[in-house]
Amino acid sequence: MDLVLSAADHYFFTPYVYPATWPEDDIFRQTISLLVVTNLGAYILYFFFATLSYYFVFDHSLMKHPQFLKNQVSREIKYTVWSLPWMSIPTVSLFLLELRGFSKLYDNIGEFPYGWFHLIISVISFLFFTDMLIYFIHRGLHHRVLYKHIHKPHHIWKIPTPFASHAFHPVDGFVQSLPYHIYPFVFPLHKVVYLGLYVLVNIWTISIHDGDFRVPQILKPFINGSAHHTDHHMFFDYNYGQYFTLWDRIGGSFKNPSSFEGTGPLNYVKKMTEEKSKSPAENGCKNEKLCNGGFSKTE
């Protein structure tokens, strides 16, 4: 984060905001600057990529699903806008520790004898390390003691849109982001790579809420994509992973996505549309299960 803050100081804060007499390495100044940069960056990432995903990737026919809420998109956005600043407060404290030299972030690839090979390995290990921790954190948040107070707000969205990607309770959002911050305090990581990974994991978070259930056939057994995560929202006890299916398989919580089996939400909407076209609406609904979002009244 010091790369971003250094650029912000050089091009904006120092010449236009702070007095020249206020040192750039002052901890109070750094805290204020990080709060501004973190919140601004989070909003830009969220609105830019979620908007692109919503208009160019998300299948809007999903909005016809009975479990899609009234005014859901605006509610997802409002919840995110409220939540992100609260998430940023503990996040900035960790960025400040990184900035003050307590992490293992480094500037030069040449600092390690294996150079580029070490950099590639660090990216792979970052993904597997964070995926493992997020799995256990996410699964823990589903415990009845925590779920009702912390994680339930995110599960309001049974058929999520890209705008639901960051619509978390602030504690939930921060706790699930912790693995990304823990990694550079435990393992060496290049600063530019860390910044790039931080952006990419936010984009990935948007992508698993985008309603695009397509996955290359060869990757279906391994990648935890939108199809897996939508089933997590719908069925609750499955597919806790972030990128991979590995820990869900180990932990017995893996569920082959209903979309891969032809019974997913898009299939349901298609079937519902066909059912309505066969018989006039004024005749009422003859299929109880179809009228209740795929569930009978007793389920």
Foldseek 3Di string as FASTA:
>chain_A
DVVVLVVCCVPPCCPDNDDVPDDSLPLVNLLVSQLVVQLVVVVCLLCVLLVCLQVPPFDVLLCVFPLNDDVNLVVLQVLLNVQRSLLSNVVSVLVSCVVVPLFQADAAQVVDPVRPVVQVVLVVCLQVQLQVQQLVLLLVCLPPVNVVPFVVQLLSRLLFALSSLRNGHSVSNNSSCVSLSVSRRPDYHYPVVSVVVVSVLSSQSSQLNHNRPDDPPVCQQWFCGVLQVSCCSNVVQADSTRTTCVVRVVVVRHDRGVVVVQRDSVSLSVVLVVQCVVDPPVVPDPDQCSVVSNHHPVD
